[in-house]
Amino acid sequence: MGDSTGSMFYFFVWIILLYVVGMGIYTIFTQLKKRRKQRRLRKQEKR
């Protein structure tokens, strides 16, 4: 099989990095949605 431990380690690290980056993008996206809703509500209250 050769040196499979090194490649498995890098594969595991790659999956963790993808997960962290994906969650970061998701949280930023949800925060932007919340801010847009708050702005809309504030504009409606002023009218």
C-alpha atoms as a PDB file:
ATOM      1  CA  MET A   1       0.000   0.000   0.000  1.00  0.00           C
ATOM      2  CA  GLY A   2       2.928   2.330   0.496  1.00  0.00           C
ATOM      3  CA  ASP A   3       2.827   5.407   2.717  1.00  0.00           C
ATOM      4  CA  SER A   4      -0.935   5.774   3.116  1.00  0.00           C
ATOM      5  CA  THR A   5      -0.833   7.473   6.536  1.00  0.00           C
ATOM      6  CA  GLY A   6       0.510  10.747   5.120  1.00  0.00           C
ATOM      7  CA  SER A   7      -2.028  10.997   2.329  1.00  0.00           C
ATOM      8  CA  MET A   8      -4.889  10.068   4.668  1.00  0.00           C
ATOM      9  CA  PHE A   9      -3.746  12.790   7.061  1.00  0.00           C
ATOM     10  CA  TYR A  10      -3.731  15.400   4.298  1.00  0.00           C
ATOM     11  CA  PHE A  11      -7.156  14.207   3.124  1.00  0.00           C
ATOM     12  CA  PHE A  12      -8.528  14.606   6.656  1.00  0.00           C
ATOM     13  CA  VAL A  13      -7.002  18.087   7.026  1.00  0.00           C
ATOM     14  CA  TRP A  14      -8.434  19.077   3.621  1.00  0.00           C
ATOM     15  CA  ILE A  15     -11.937  17.993   4.673  1.00  0.00           C
ATOM     16  CA  ILE A  16     -11.672  19.966   7.931  1.00  0.00           C
ATOM     17  CA  LEU A  17     -10.499  23.071   6.044  1.00  0.00           C
ATOM     18  CA  LEU A  18     -13.369  22.761   3.569  1.00  0.00           C
ATOM     19  CA  TYR A  19     -15.817  22.432   6.471  1.00  0.00           C
ATOM     20  CA  VAL A  20     -14.471  25.505   8.269  1.00  0.00           C
ATOM     21  CA  VAL A  21     -14.461  27.617   5.107  1.00  0.00           C
ATOM     22  CA  GLY A  22     -17.968  26.441   4.206  1.00  0.00           C
ATOM     23  CA  MET A  23     -19.322  27.258   7.646  1.00  0.00           C
ATOM     24  CA  GLY A  24     -17.667  30.681   7.505  1.00  0.00           C
ATOM     25  CA  ILE A  25     -19.305  31.457   4.181  1.00  0.00           C
ATOM     26  CA  TYR A  26     -22.654  30.178   5.468  1.00  0.00           C
ATOM     27  CA  THR A  27     -22.542  32.309   8.616  1.00  0.00           C
ATOM     28  CA  ILE A  28     -21.583  35.423   6.635  1.00  0.00           C
ATOM     29  CA  PHE A  29     -24.465  34.736   4.227  1.00  0.00           C
ATOM     30  CA  THR A  30     -26.994  34.346   7.045  1.00  0.00           C
ATOM     31  CA  GLN A  31     -25.730  37.501   8.786  1.00  0.00           C
ATOM     32  CA  LEU A  32     -26.201  39.471   5.566  1.00  0.00           C
ATOM     33  CA  LYS A  33     -29.748  38.145   5.233  1.00  0.00           C
ATOM     34  CA  LYS A  34     -30.567  39.209   8.796  1.00  0.00           C
ATOM     35  CA  ARG A  35     -29.177  42.693   8.210  1.00  0.00           C
ATOM     36  CA  ARG A  36     -31.230  43.086   5.034  1.00  0.00           C
ATOM     37  CA  LYS A  37     -34.396  42.110   6.901  1.00  0.00           C
ATOM     38  CA  GLN A  38     -33.643  44.581   9.699  1.00  0.00           C
ATOM     39  CA  ARG A  39     -33.078  47.379   7.179  1.00  0.00           C
ATOM     40  CA  ARG A  40     -36.382  46.611   5.477  1.00  0.00           C
ATOM     41  CA  LEU A  41     -38.213  46.620   8.802  1.00  0.00           C
ATOM     42  CA  ARG A  42     -36.642  49.946   9.784  1.00  0.00           C
ATOM     43  CA  LYS A  43     -37.632  51.519   6.471  1.00  0.00           C
ATOM     44  CA  GLN A  44     -41.209  50.313   6.885  1.00  0.00           C
ATOM     45  CA  GLU A  45     -41.378  51.724  10.440  1.00  0.00           C
ATOM     46  CA  LYS A  46     -40.266  55.184   9.236  1.00  0.00           C
ATOM     47  CA  ARG A  47     -43.130  55.334   6.737  1.00  0.00           C
END
